[in-house]
Amino acid sequence: MSDIREIIQEQQDAIKAHGLCDWFEKYPWLTGSIGDIHAPVWFLAENPSLSQLDKQAMKPDLNENLQWNASEGDHLLREAITEAGLKAGDPKKDEGWTCYISNVDKGPDIAGKRRRDTIFLKCRAAMWIPVLQKQVDLGSPKILVTLGNNADEILRHMRRLGLRAPGSEKIHHYSYIMMRPESGGKRRPRGHPERIKEFKDSIADIAKRCV
């Protein structure tokens, strides 16, 4: 629990430093991470989804396990992690973690309205690098798995700013698999079984190599 408190304090310091809206007042359970910080495999998404937070905030039992536990994409990520042996028990429950999930950008936002140009992502990297550095310093990651292009770009900007962290590997974002049609040649629809299998296989392969 002391690790979580230190990370939350680092987030609150960044909120004050940049004059941001303090989301802890509305979402006190939004710690920005879940799992075992001392696990070797870390998954880093881009940022919390404000629409999913509002959906979860309607539930009676408000706790940190609501994170990454709302959308079809969230459920895919938890299933893939569990099937890869990086979590035991019920995928939807806060139990059996042998991995860690967080975001490179801690600020909640509406995904469809969020800027994603290079200047914006550089600014977000500069804003949130102290928090991710605190997490890395407290934990024991062997690999940082970025979920999607934007998370990967923010992490690369953080490295240029001096982030001290282990190597990383990019895989698709879970929401891209479950909520958006495939770009490029194949053009498979959202939630296509082959896309789901490929996503799960990518996590299983990382687990085999890094645990």
N, C-alpha and C. Protein backbone atom coordinates (compact mmCIF):
# COMPACT_ATOMS: atom_id res chain seq x y z
N MET A 1 0.81 -1.21 0.00
CA MET A 1 0.00 0.00 0.00
C MET A 1 0.85 1.27 0.00
N SER A 2 2.04 1.20 0.58
CA SER A 2 2.90 2.38 0.61
C SER A 2 3.32 2.79 -0.79
N ASP A 3 3.55 1.79 -1.68
CA ASP A 3 3.89 2.09 -3.07
C ASP A 3 2.77 2.87 -3.74
N ILE A 4 1.54 2.42 -3.56
CA ILE A 4 0.39 3.09 -4.16
C ILE A 4 0.28 4.52 -3.65
N ARG A 5 0.47 4.72 -2.36
CA ARG A 5 0.37 6.06 -1.79
C ARG A 5 1.42 6.99 -2.39
N GLU A 6 2.64 6.48 -2.56
CA GLU A 6 3.70 7.30 -3.15
C GLU A 6 3.38 7.67 -4.59
N ILE A 7 2.83 6.73 -5.34
CA ILE A 7 2.49 6.99 -6.74
C ILE A 7 1.34 7.99 -6.83
N ILE A 8 0.34 7.84 -5.99
CA ILE A 8 -0.78 8.79 -5.97
C ILE A 8 -0.28 10.18 -5.60
N GLN A 9 0.61 10.27 -4.63
CA GLN A 9 1.16 11.57 -4.25
C GLN A 9 1.91 12.21 -5.41
N GLU A 10 2.66 11.40 -6.16
CA GLU A 10 3.39 11.93 -7.32
C GLU A 10 2.41 12.46 -8.37
N GLN A 11 1.30 11.75 -8.55
CA GLN A 11 0.27 12.23 -9.49
C GLN A 11 -0.34 13.54 -9.00
N GLN A 12 -0.64 13.62 -7.72
CA GLN A 12 -1.24 14.84 -7.18
C GLN A 12 -0.27 16.02 -7.27
N ASP A 13 1.02 15.76 -7.11
CA ASP A 13 2.01 16.82 -7.28
C ASP A 13 2.00 17.34 -8.72
N ALA A 14 1.89 16.41 -9.69
CA ALA A 14 1.84 16.82 -11.11
C ALA A 14 0.55 17.59 -11.41
N ILE A 15 -0.55 17.16 -10.82
CA ILE A 15 -1.83 17.86 -11.01
C ILE A 15 -1.71 19.30 -10.54
N LYS A 16 -1.12 19.52 -9.37
CA LYS A 16 -0.95 20.87 -8.84
C LYS A 16 0.04 21.67 -9.67
N ALA A 17 1.14 21.04 -10.07
CA ALA A 17 2.18 21.74 -10.82
C ALA A 17 1.68 22.25 -12.17
N HIS A 18 0.75 21.52 -12.77
CA HIS A 18 0.27 21.88 -14.10
C HIS A 18 -1.15 22.46 -14.10
N GLY A 19 -1.70 22.70 -12.91
CA GLY A 19 -3.01 23.31 -12.81
C GLY A 19 -4.12 22.47 -13.41
N LEU A 20 -4.04 21.14 -13.24
CA LEU A 20 -5.03 20.25 -13.82
C LEU A 20 -6.20 20.04 -12.87
N CYS A 21 -7.31 19.61 -13.43
CA CYS A 21 -8.46 19.23 -12.61
C CYS A 21 -8.10 17.98 -11.81
N ASP A 22 -8.36 18.02 -10.52
CA ASP A 22 -8.00 16.89 -9.66
C ASP A 22 -9.07 15.80 -9.75
N TRP A 23 -8.78 14.79 -10.58
CA TRP A 23 -9.77 13.72 -10.78
C TRP A 23 -9.94 12.84 -9.55
N PHE A 24 -9.02 12.91 -8.59
CA PHE A 24 -9.16 12.10 -7.39
C PHE A 24 -10.38 12.52 -6.57
N GLU A 25 -10.84 13.75 -6.76
CA GLU A 25 -12.04 14.19 -6.04
C GLU A 25 -13.28 13.45 -6.53
N LYS A 26 -13.34 13.15 -7.83
CA LYS A 26 -14.49 12.45 -8.40
C LYS A 26 -14.27 10.95 -8.48
N TYR A 27 -13.01 10.56 -8.75
CA TYR A 27 -12.68 9.14 -8.91
C TYR A 27 -11.54 8.77 -7.95
N PRO A 28 -11.79 8.70 -6.66
CA PRO A 28 -10.71 8.40 -5.71
C PRO A 28 -10.10 7.03 -5.90
N TRP A 29 -10.82 6.14 -6.58
CA TRP A 29 -10.32 4.79 -6.84
C TRP A 29 -9.41 4.73 -8.08
N LEU A 30 -9.27 5.84 -8.80
CA LEU A 30 -8.45 5.86 -10.01
C LEU A 30 -6.98 6.03 -9.64
N THR A 31 -6.37 4.96 -9.18
CA THR A 31 -4.96 5.00 -8.77
C THR A 31 -4.02 5.08 -9.97
N GLY A 32 -4.50 4.70 -11.16
CA GLY A 32 -3.67 4.74 -12.35
C GLY A 32 -2.84 3.49 -12.56
N SER A 33 -3.09 2.48 -11.75
CA SER A 33 -2.35 1.23 -11.92
C SER A 33 -3.08 0.11 -11.18
N ILE A 34 -2.78 -1.10 -11.59
CA ILE A 34 -3.30 -2.28 -10.90
C ILE A 34 -2.34 -3.43 -11.13
N GLY A 35 -2.31 -4.35 -10.19
CA GLY A 35 -1.40 -5.49 -10.33
C GLY A 35 -0.22 -5.40 -9.38
N ASP A 36 0.82 -6.15 -9.69
CA ASP A 36 2.01 -6.25 -8.83
C ASP A 36 3.13 -5.40 -9.40
N ILE A 37 3.45 -4.31 -8.73
CA ILE A 37 4.48 -3.40 -9.23
C ILE A 37 5.86 -4.05 -9.29
N HIS A 38 6.05 -5.15 -8.55
CA HIS A 38 7.34 -5.84 -8.56
C HIS A 38 7.40 -6.97 -9.59
N ALA A 39 6.36 -7.10 -10.40
CA ALA A 39 6.33 -8.12 -11.45
C ALA A 39 7.26 -7.73 -12.60
N PRO A 40 7.76 -8.70 -13.36
CA PRO A 40 8.70 -8.38 -14.44
C PRO A 40 8.06 -7.76 -15.68
N VAL A 41 6.79 -8.08 -15.95
CA VAL A 41 6.13 -7.59 -17.15
C VAL A 41 5.15 -6.48 -16.80
N TRP A 42 5.34 -5.32 -17.44
CA TRP A 42 4.45 -4.17 -17.25
C TRP A 42 3.75 -3.86 -18.56
N PHE A 43 2.46 -3.58 -18.49
CA PHE A 43 1.69 -3.14 -19.65
C PHE A 43 1.36 -1.67 -19.46
N LEU A 44 1.66 -0.86 -20.49
CA LEU A 44 1.43 0.57 -20.41
C LEU A 44 0.49 1.02 -21.52
N ALA A 45 -0.72 1.42 -21.14
CA ALA A 45 -1.67 1.99 -22.09
C ALA A 45 -1.42 3.49 -22.20
N GLU A 46 -2.25 4.18 -22.99
CA GLU A 46 -2.03 5.61 -23.20
C GLU A 46 -2.51 6.44 -22.02
N ASN A 47 -3.81 6.40 -21.72
CA ASN A 47 -4.37 7.20 -20.63
C ASN A 47 -5.75 6.66 -20.26
N PRO A 48 -6.27 7.02 -19.10
CA PRO A 48 -7.60 6.54 -18.71
C PRO A 48 -8.69 7.13 -19.61
N SER A 49 -9.69 6.32 -19.90
CA SER A 49 -10.83 6.75 -20.71
C SER A 49 -11.90 7.36 -19.82
N LEU A 50 -12.20 8.63 -20.06
CA LEU A 50 -13.17 9.33 -19.23
C LEU A 50 -14.56 8.72 -19.36
N SER A 51 -14.92 8.28 -20.55
CA SER A 51 -16.24 7.69 -20.73
C SER A 51 -16.37 6.38 -19.95
N GLN A 52 -15.31 5.58 -19.93
CA GLN A 52 -15.35 4.33 -19.18
C GLN A 52 -15.34 4.60 -17.67
N LEU A 53 -14.63 5.66 -17.25
CA LEU A 53 -14.62 6.00 -15.82
C LEU A 53 -16.02 6.37 -15.36
N ASP A 54 -16.72 7.15 -16.17
CA ASP A 54 -18.09 7.54 -15.79
C ASP A 54 -19.00 6.32 -15.73
N LYS A 55 -18.79 5.37 -16.63
CA LYS A 55 -19.58 4.14 -16.61
C LYS A 55 -19.31 3.36 -15.32
N GLN A 56 -18.07 3.23 -14.94
CA GLN A 56 -17.71 2.48 -13.74
C GLN A 56 -18.16 3.20 -12.46
N ALA A 57 -18.16 4.54 -12.51
CA ALA A 57 -18.52 5.32 -11.33
C ALA A 57 -19.98 5.16 -10.92
N MET A 58 -20.78 4.56 -11.79
CA MET A 58 -22.19 4.31 -11.47
C MET A 58 -22.38 3.05 -10.62
N LYS A 59 -21.31 2.28 -10.46
CA LYS A 59 -21.42 1.02 -9.73
C LYS A 59 -21.37 1.27 -8.21
N PRO A 60 -21.98 0.40 -7.43
CA PRO A 60 -22.06 0.63 -5.98
C PRO A 60 -20.73 0.43 -5.25
N ASP A 61 -19.92 -0.52 -5.70
CA ASP A 61 -18.67 -0.84 -5.00
C ASP A 61 -17.51 -0.19 -5.75
N LEU A 62 -17.10 0.98 -5.30
CA LEU A 62 -16.06 1.73 -6.01
C LEU A 62 -14.70 1.38 -5.42
N ASN A 63 -13.87 0.75 -6.23
CA ASN A 63 -12.53 0.36 -5.79
C ASN A 63 -11.62 0.28 -7.01
N GLU A 64 -10.32 0.14 -6.78
CA GLU A 64 -9.34 0.23 -7.88
C GLU A 64 -9.48 -0.89 -8.91
N ASN A 65 -10.19 -1.97 -8.56
CA ASN A 65 -10.38 -3.05 -9.53
C ASN A 65 -11.33 -2.66 -10.66
N LEU A 66 -11.98 -1.51 -10.57
CA LEU A 66 -12.80 -1.01 -11.67
C LEU A 66 -11.93 -0.58 -12.85
N GLN A 67 -10.64 -0.37 -12.60
CA GLN A 67 -9.73 0.04 -13.66
C GLN A 67 -9.47 -1.13 -14.62
N TRP A 68 -9.43 -0.82 -15.91
CA TRP A 68 -9.24 -1.84 -16.95
C TRP A 68 -10.25 -2.98 -16.76
N ASN A 69 -11.51 -2.61 -16.52
CA ASN A 69 -12.51 -3.64 -16.21
C ASN A 69 -13.90 -3.20 -16.66
N ALA A 70 -13.96 -2.35 -17.71
CA ALA A 70 -15.25 -1.82 -18.14
C ALA A 70 -15.62 -2.23 -19.56
N SER A 71 -14.75 -2.00 -20.51
CA SER A 71 -15.08 -2.19 -21.92
C SER A 71 -14.75 -3.61 -22.39
N GLU A 72 -15.20 -3.92 -23.60
CA GLU A 72 -14.83 -5.19 -24.23
C GLU A 72 -13.32 -5.32 -24.35
N GLY A 73 -12.68 -4.20 -24.67
CA GLY A 73 -11.22 -4.21 -24.77
C GLY A 73 -10.55 -4.51 -23.44
N ASP A 74 -11.06 -3.89 -22.37
CA ASP A 74 -10.53 -4.18 -21.03
C ASP A 74 -10.61 -5.66 -20.72
N HIS A 75 -11.77 -6.24 -21.03
CA HIS A 75 -11.97 -7.66 -20.73
C HIS A 75 -11.04 -8.54 -21.56
N LEU A 76 -10.80 -8.13 -22.82
CA LEU A 76 -9.85 -8.88 -23.64
C LEU A 76 -8.46 -8.83 -23.02
N LEU A 77 -8.03 -7.66 -22.57
CA LEU A 77 -6.70 -7.54 -21.96
C LEU A 77 -6.58 -8.44 -20.75
N ARG A 78 -7.57 -8.42 -19.88
CA ARG A 78 -7.52 -9.27 -18.68
C ARG A 78 -7.55 -10.75 -19.04
N GLU A 79 -8.36 -11.13 -20.02
CA GLU A 79 -8.39 -12.53 -20.44
C GLU A 79 -7.03 -12.96 -21.00
N ALA A 80 -6.44 -12.12 -21.84
CA ALA A 80 -5.16 -12.45 -22.46
C ALA A 80 -4.06 -12.59 -21.41
N ILE A 81 -4.05 -11.69 -20.45
CA ILE A 81 -3.06 -11.73 -19.38
C ILE A 81 -3.22 -13.00 -18.54
N THR A 82 -4.46 -13.35 -18.24
CA THR A 82 -4.74 -14.54 -17.44
C THR A 82 -4.35 -15.80 -18.20
N GLU A 83 -4.73 -15.89 -19.46
CA GLU A 83 -4.39 -17.07 -20.26
C GLU A 83 -2.89 -17.22 -20.46
N ALA A 84 -2.17 -16.11 -20.43
CA ALA A 84 -0.71 -16.15 -20.58
C ALA A 84 0.00 -16.50 -19.28
N GLY A 85 -0.75 -16.65 -18.19
CA GLY A 85 -0.14 -16.99 -16.90
C GLY A 85 0.37 -15.79 -16.13
N LEU A 86 -0.04 -14.57 -16.53
CA LEU A 86 0.39 -13.36 -15.84
C LEU A 86 -0.63 -12.89 -14.81
N LYS A 87 -1.66 -13.70 -14.63
CA LYS A 87 -2.68 -13.46 -13.61
C LYS A 87 -3.37 -14.78 -13.35
N ALA A 88 -3.71 -15.04 -12.09
CA ALA A 88 -4.42 -16.27 -11.74
C ALA A 88 -5.82 -15.92 -11.27
N GLY A 89 -6.71 -16.90 -11.36
CA GLY A 89 -8.07 -16.70 -10.88
C GLY A 89 -8.96 -16.07 -11.93
N ASP A 90 -10.05 -15.48 -11.47
CA ASP A 90 -11.03 -14.83 -12.33
C ASP A 90 -10.41 -13.58 -12.95
N PRO A 91 -10.41 -13.46 -14.29
CA PRO A 91 -9.81 -12.28 -14.92
C PRO A 91 -10.37 -10.96 -14.42
N LYS A 92 -11.64 -10.95 -14.04
CA LYS A 92 -12.29 -9.70 -13.64
C LYS A 92 -12.04 -9.33 -12.18
N LYS A 93 -11.46 -10.24 -11.42
CA LYS A 93 -11.22 -9.96 -10.01
C LYS A 93 -9.80 -9.46 -9.77
N ASP A 94 -9.63 -8.74 -8.67
CA ASP A 94 -8.32 -8.20 -8.30
C ASP A 94 -7.58 -9.26 -7.48
N GLU A 95 -7.04 -10.24 -8.22
CA GLU A 95 -6.37 -11.36 -7.55
C GLU A 95 -5.35 -11.99 -8.50
N GLY A 96 -4.34 -12.59 -7.93
CA GLY A 96 -3.41 -13.41 -8.69
C GLY A 96 -2.54 -12.69 -9.70
N TRP A 97 -2.27 -11.41 -9.49
CA TRP A 97 -1.48 -10.65 -10.46
C TRP A 97 -0.01 -11.04 -10.43
N THR A 98 0.55 -11.36 -11.57
CA THR A 98 2.00 -11.48 -11.73
C THR A 98 2.46 -10.59 -12.88
N CYS A 99 1.74 -9.47 -13.05
CA CYS A 99 2.11 -8.42 -13.99
C CYS A 99 1.59 -7.10 -13.42
N TYR A 100 1.84 -6.03 -14.11
CA TYR A 100 1.45 -4.69 -13.65
C TYR A 100 0.90 -3.92 -14.84
N ILE A 101 -0.20 -3.19 -14.63
CA ILE A 101 -0.81 -2.40 -15.70
C ILE A 101 -0.86 -0.94 -15.26
N SER A 102 -0.49 -0.05 -16.15
CA SER A 102 -0.57 1.37 -15.86
C SER A 102 -0.73 2.13 -17.19
N ASN A 103 -0.63 3.47 -17.11
CA ASN A 103 -0.68 4.34 -18.28
C ASN A 103 0.56 5.21 -18.31
N VAL A 104 1.00 5.59 -19.50
CA VAL A 104 2.10 6.55 -19.59
C VAL A 104 1.59 7.96 -19.27
N ASP A 105 0.34 8.24 -19.66
CA ASP A 105 -0.31 9.52 -19.39
C ASP A 105 -1.39 9.27 -18.35
N LYS A 106 -1.30 9.92 -17.23
CA LYS A 106 -2.20 9.62 -16.11
C LYS A 106 -3.53 10.37 -16.19
N GLY A 107 -3.65 11.36 -17.06
CA GLY A 107 -4.83 12.21 -17.08
C GLY A 107 -6.01 11.62 -17.83
N PRO A 108 -7.18 11.49 -17.20
CA PRO A 108 -8.37 10.99 -17.89
C PRO A 108 -8.77 11.93 -19.03
N ASP A 109 -9.27 11.34 -20.11
CA ASP A 109 -9.65 12.11 -21.28
C ASP A 109 -10.67 11.31 -22.08
N ILE A 110 -11.43 12.00 -22.92
CA ILE A 110 -12.35 11.33 -23.84
C ILE A 110 -11.57 10.91 -25.07
N ALA A 111 -11.49 9.62 -25.31
CA ALA A 111 -10.60 9.09 -26.35
C ALA A 111 -10.85 9.72 -27.71
N GLY A 112 -12.10 9.84 -28.11
CA GLY A 112 -12.41 10.34 -29.45
C GLY A 112 -12.14 11.81 -29.64
N LYS A 113 -11.97 12.57 -28.56
CA LYS A 113 -11.74 14.00 -28.64
C LYS A 113 -10.32 14.39 -28.29
N ARG A 114 -9.49 13.42 -28.04
CA ARG A 114 -8.13 13.67 -27.56
C ARG A 114 -7.18 14.00 -28.72
N ARG A 115 -6.37 15.03 -28.53
CA ARG A 115 -5.32 15.33 -29.52
C ARG A 115 -4.26 14.24 -29.49
N ARG A 116 -3.66 14.00 -30.65
CA ARG A 116 -2.61 12.98 -30.69
C ARG A 116 -1.46 13.39 -31.61
N ASP A 117 -1.30 14.69 -31.84
CA ASP A 117 -0.17 15.14 -32.64
C ASP A 117 1.10 15.08 -31.81
N THR A 118 2.23 15.18 -32.47
CA THR A 118 3.53 15.01 -31.81
C THR A 118 3.74 16.04 -30.70
N ILE A 119 3.38 17.30 -30.95
CA ILE A 119 3.58 18.33 -29.94
C ILE A 119 2.80 18.01 -28.66
N PHE A 120 1.55 17.59 -28.84
CA PHE A 120 0.72 17.24 -27.68
C PHE A 120 1.32 16.07 -26.92
N LEU A 121 1.73 15.02 -27.63
CA LEU A 121 2.27 13.83 -26.96
C LEU A 121 3.58 14.14 -26.25
N LYS A 122 4.39 15.03 -26.82
CA LYS A 122 5.62 15.46 -26.15
C LYS A 122 5.30 16.18 -24.84
N CYS A 123 4.27 17.03 -24.88
CA CYS A 123 3.87 17.75 -23.67
C CYS A 123 3.39 16.79 -22.59
N ARG A 124 2.62 15.79 -23.00
CA ARG A 124 2.12 14.81 -22.03
C ARG A 124 3.28 14.01 -21.45
N ALA A 125 4.26 13.70 -22.28
CA ALA A 125 5.44 12.97 -21.79
C ALA A 125 6.16 13.78 -20.71
N ALA A 126 6.36 15.07 -20.98
CA ALA A 126 7.05 15.92 -20.01
C ALA A 126 6.26 16.07 -18.72
N MET A 127 4.94 16.09 -18.85
CA MET A 127 4.07 16.27 -17.69
C MET A 127 4.11 15.07 -16.76
N TRP A 128 4.14 13.87 -17.34
CA TRP A 128 3.93 12.66 -16.55
C TRP A 128 5.17 11.79 -16.35
N ILE A 129 6.31 12.20 -16.88
CA ILE A 129 7.52 11.41 -16.69
C ILE A 129 7.88 11.22 -15.21
N PRO A 130 7.67 12.22 -14.33
CA PRO A 130 8.04 11.98 -12.92
C PRO A 130 7.25 10.83 -12.29
N VAL A 131 5.98 10.67 -12.71
CA VAL A 131 5.17 9.62 -12.12
C VAL A 131 5.63 8.25 -12.60
N LEU A 132 5.84 8.12 -13.90
CA LEU A 132 6.30 6.82 -14.40
C LEU A 132 7.69 6.49 -13.85
N GLN A 133 8.54 7.49 -13.71
CA GLN A 133 9.86 7.23 -13.14
C GLN A 133 9.74 6.74 -11.70
N LYS A 134 8.82 7.33 -10.94
CA LYS A 134 8.58 6.88 -9.57
C LYS A 134 8.13 5.43 -9.56
N GLN A 135 7.23 5.07 -10.47
CA GLN A 135 6.74 3.70 -10.55
C GLN A 135 7.89 2.73 -10.87
N VAL A 136 8.69 3.08 -11.86
CA VAL A 136 9.82 2.21 -12.23
C VAL A 136 10.80 2.07 -11.06
N ASP A 137 11.07 3.16 -10.38
CA ASP A 137 12.01 3.12 -9.26
C ASP A 137 11.49 2.27 -8.11
N LEU A 138 10.18 2.27 -7.91
CA LEU A 138 9.59 1.47 -6.84
C LEU A 138 9.45 0.01 -7.21
N GLY A 139 9.35 -0.26 -8.51
CA GLY A 139 9.09 -1.61 -8.99
C GLY A 139 10.31 -2.33 -9.50
N SER A 140 10.04 -3.44 -10.22
CA SER A 140 11.12 -4.28 -10.74
C SER A 140 10.82 -4.76 -12.15
N PRO A 141 10.48 -3.85 -13.08
CA PRO A 141 10.13 -4.33 -14.43
C PRO A 141 11.33 -4.83 -15.21
N LYS A 142 11.11 -5.87 -15.99
CA LYS A 142 12.11 -6.33 -16.95
C LYS A 142 11.79 -5.84 -18.35
N ILE A 143 10.50 -5.60 -18.61
CA ILE A 143 10.07 -5.13 -19.92
C ILE A 143 8.82 -4.27 -19.76
N LEU A 144 8.74 -3.21 -20.55
CA LEU A 144 7.57 -2.35 -20.61
C LEU A 144 6.86 -2.64 -21.94
N VAL A 145 5.65 -3.12 -21.86
CA VAL A 145 4.88 -3.45 -23.07
C VAL A 145 3.92 -2.31 -23.34
N THR A 146 4.18 -1.55 -24.40
CA THR A 146 3.30 -0.43 -24.73
C THR A 146 2.13 -0.94 -25.56
N LEU A 147 0.94 -0.45 -25.22
CA LEU A 147 -0.29 -0.87 -25.86
C LEU A 147 -0.73 0.20 -26.85
N GLY A 148 -0.32 0.04 -28.10
CA GLY A 148 -0.71 0.97 -29.14
C GLY A 148 0.36 2.01 -29.46
N ASN A 149 0.17 2.68 -30.60
CA ASN A 149 1.17 3.63 -31.10
C ASN A 149 1.34 4.84 -30.20
N ASN A 150 0.24 5.38 -29.67
CA ASN A 150 0.34 6.61 -28.89
C ASN A 150 1.07 6.39 -27.57
N ALA A 151 0.77 5.30 -26.89
CA ALA A 151 1.50 4.97 -25.67
C ALA A 151 2.98 4.79 -25.97
N ASP A 152 3.27 4.15 -27.08
CA ASP A 152 4.67 3.91 -27.45
C ASP A 152 5.39 5.22 -27.75
N GLU A 153 4.69 6.14 -28.44
CA GLU A 153 5.33 7.42 -28.76
C GLU A 153 5.58 8.24 -27.50
N ILE A 154 4.62 8.26 -26.59
CA ILE A 154 4.83 9.00 -25.33
C ILE A 154 6.00 8.42 -24.56
N LEU A 155 6.10 7.09 -24.52
CA LEU A 155 7.22 6.47 -23.81
C LEU A 155 8.55 6.84 -24.47
N ARG A 156 8.59 6.87 -25.80
CA ARG A 156 9.82 7.26 -26.49
C ARG A 156 10.21 8.69 -26.17
N HIS A 157 9.24 9.58 -26.10
CA HIS A 157 9.54 10.96 -25.71
C HIS A 157 10.05 11.01 -24.28
N MET A 158 9.50 10.21 -23.40
CA MET A 158 9.97 10.16 -22.02
C MET A 158 11.42 9.70 -21.95
N ARG A 159 11.76 8.72 -22.78
CA ARG A 159 13.16 8.25 -22.79
C ARG A 159 14.10 9.38 -23.24
N ARG A 160 13.68 10.15 -24.21
CA ARG A 160 14.51 11.28 -24.66
C ARG A 160 14.67 12.32 -23.57
N LEU A 161 13.67 12.40 -22.69
CA LEU A 161 13.73 13.34 -21.57
C LEU A 161 14.50 12.79 -20.37
N GLY A 162 14.97 11.54 -20.49
CA GLY A 162 15.82 10.98 -19.44
C GLY A 162 15.21 9.88 -18.61
N LEU A 163 14.07 9.36 -19.01
CA LEU A 163 13.47 8.26 -18.25
C LEU A 163 14.44 7.09 -18.15
N ARG A 164 14.64 6.61 -16.94
CA ARG A 164 15.49 5.45 -16.69
C ARG A 164 14.58 4.23 -16.54
N ALA A 165 14.56 3.38 -17.55
CA ALA A 165 13.63 2.26 -17.55
C ALA A 165 14.18 1.16 -18.46
N PRO A 166 13.70 -0.07 -18.27
CA PRO A 166 14.14 -1.18 -19.13
C PRO A 166 13.57 -1.04 -20.54
N GLY A 167 13.95 -1.97 -21.40
CA GLY A 167 13.51 -1.95 -22.78
C GLY A 167 12.01 -2.16 -22.91
N SER A 168 11.50 -1.83 -24.09
CA SER A 168 10.06 -1.92 -24.31
C SER A 168 9.76 -2.65 -25.60
N GLU A 169 8.49 -3.05 -25.72
CA GLU A 169 8.00 -3.74 -26.91
C GLU A 169 6.56 -3.30 -27.12
N LYS A 170 6.22 -2.97 -28.35
CA LYS A 170 4.87 -2.48 -28.65
C LYS A 170 3.99 -3.60 -29.19
N ILE A 171 2.74 -3.65 -28.69
CA ILE A 171 1.73 -4.52 -29.27
C ILE A 171 0.48 -3.67 -29.51
N HIS A 172 -0.53 -4.25 -30.14
CA HIS A 172 -1.75 -3.50 -30.41
C HIS A 172 -2.47 -3.13 -29.11
N HIS A 173 -3.21 -2.03 -29.18
CA HIS A 173 -4.08 -1.66 -28.06
C HIS A 173 -5.31 -2.55 -28.08
N TYR A 174 -5.74 -2.96 -26.91
CA TYR A 174 -6.90 -3.84 -26.80
C TYR A 174 -8.17 -3.22 -27.37
N SER A 175 -8.31 -1.91 -27.24
CA SER A 175 -9.49 -1.25 -27.80
C SER A 175 -9.48 -1.26 -29.32
N TYR A 176 -8.30 -1.20 -29.90
CA TYR A 176 -8.19 -1.29 -31.36
C TYR A 176 -8.70 -2.64 -31.84
N ILE A 177 -8.41 -3.69 -31.11
CA ILE A 177 -8.85 -5.04 -31.49
C ILE A 177 -10.36 -5.17 -31.38
N MET A 178 -10.93 -4.67 -30.30
CA MET A 178 -12.34 -4.93 -30.00
C MET A 178 -13.30 -3.84 -30.47
N MET A 179 -12.78 -2.65 -30.77
CA MET A 179 -13.70 -1.54 -31.05
C MET A 179 -13.50 -0.89 -32.41
N ARG A 180 -12.42 -1.24 -33.11
CA ARG A 180 -12.16 -0.59 -34.40
C ARG A 180 -11.82 -1.61 -35.47
N PRO A 181 -12.27 -1.41 -36.71
CA PRO A 181 -11.87 -2.31 -37.79
C PRO A 181 -10.37 -2.20 -38.05
N GLU A 182 -9.82 -3.23 -38.57
CA GLU A 182 -8.38 -3.28 -38.83
C GLU A 182 -8.00 -2.36 -39.98
N SER A 183 -6.93 -1.63 -39.82
CA SER A 183 -6.40 -0.81 -40.89
C SER A 183 -5.43 -1.64 -41.73
N GLY A 184 -5.11 -1.17 -42.92
CA GLY A 184 -4.16 -1.90 -43.75
C GLY A 184 -4.83 -2.89 -44.67
N GLY A 185 -4.09 -3.94 -45.02
CA GLY A 185 -4.52 -4.87 -46.06
C GLY A 185 -5.69 -5.76 -45.74
N LYS A 186 -5.70 -6.38 -44.56
CA LYS A 186 -6.71 -7.41 -44.28
C LYS A 186 -8.09 -6.82 -44.00
N ARG A 187 -8.14 -5.69 -43.32
CA ARG A 187 -9.40 -4.99 -43.05
C ARG A 187 -10.41 -5.85 -42.30
N ARG A 188 -9.92 -6.65 -41.37
CA ARG A 188 -10.84 -7.48 -40.60
C ARG A 188 -11.65 -6.62 -39.63
N PRO A 189 -12.89 -6.99 -39.35
CA PRO A 189 -13.75 -6.15 -38.50
C PRO A 189 -13.31 -6.19 -37.04
N ARG A 190 -13.90 -5.30 -36.27
CA ARG A 190 -13.59 -5.27 -34.84
C ARG A 190 -14.04 -6.58 -34.19
N GLY A 191 -13.25 -7.04 -33.24
CA GLY A 191 -13.58 -8.27 -32.52
C GLY A 191 -13.46 -9.53 -33.35
N HIS A 192 -12.75 -9.47 -34.46
CA HIS A 192 -12.59 -10.66 -35.30
C HIS A 192 -11.80 -11.72 -34.52
N PRO A 193 -12.25 -12.99 -34.57
CA PRO A 193 -11.57 -14.04 -33.79
C PRO A 193 -10.07 -14.15 -34.07
N GLU A 194 -9.67 -13.95 -35.32
CA GLU A 194 -8.24 -14.04 -35.64
C GLU A 194 -7.47 -12.90 -34.99
N ARG A 195 -8.04 -11.73 -34.96
CA ARG A 195 -7.39 -10.59 -34.32
C ARG A 195 -7.27 -10.80 -32.81
N ILE A 196 -8.32 -11.33 -32.22
CA ILE A 196 -8.29 -11.64 -30.79
C ILE A 196 -7.19 -12.65 -30.48
N LYS A 197 -7.12 -13.70 -31.29
CA LYS A 197 -6.09 -14.73 -31.08
C LYS A 197 -4.69 -14.14 -31.23
N GLU A 198 -4.47 -13.31 -32.23
CA GLU A 198 -3.16 -12.71 -32.44
C GLU A 198 -2.77 -11.82 -31.25
N PHE A 199 -3.74 -11.08 -30.72
CA PHE A 199 -3.46 -10.25 -29.55
C PHE A 199 -3.07 -11.11 -28.35
N LYS A 200 -3.85 -12.17 -28.11
CA LYS A 200 -3.53 -13.05 -26.99
C LYS A 200 -2.19 -13.74 -27.19
N ASP A 201 -1.89 -14.13 -28.42
CA ASP A 201 -0.61 -14.78 -28.71
C ASP A 201 0.56 -13.83 -28.45
N SER A 202 0.39 -12.53 -28.75
CA SER A 202 1.48 -11.57 -28.53
C SER A 202 1.80 -11.45 -27.05
N ILE A 203 0.79 -11.50 -26.20
CA ILE A 203 1.02 -11.43 -24.76
C ILE A 203 1.60 -12.74 -24.24
N ALA A 204 1.10 -13.86 -24.75
CA ALA A 204 1.63 -15.16 -24.34
C ALA A 204 3.11 -15.27 -24.69
N ASP A 205 3.50 -14.76 -25.85
CA ASP A 205 4.90 -14.82 -26.26
C ASP A 205 5.79 -13.99 -25.33
N ILE A 206 5.31 -12.80 -24.96
CA ILE A 206 6.07 -11.96 -24.02
C ILE A 206 6.21 -12.66 -22.67
N ALA A 207 5.15 -13.28 -22.21
CA ALA A 207 5.19 -13.99 -20.93
C ALA A 207 6.23 -15.11 -20.95
N LYS A 208 6.29 -15.84 -22.04
CA LYS A 208 7.24 -16.96 -22.15
C LYS A 208 8.68 -16.45 -22.13
N ARG A 209 8.92 -15.31 -22.75
CA ARG A 209 10.29 -14.79 -22.86
C ARG A 209 10.76 -14.04 -21.64
N CYS A 210 9.83 -13.47 -20.88
CA CYS A 210 10.23 -12.50 -19.86
C CYS A 210 9.91 -12.88 -18.42
N VAL A 211 9.24 -14.02 -18.23
CA VAL A 211 8.92 -14.44 -16.85
C VAL A 211 9.78 -15.62 -16.45
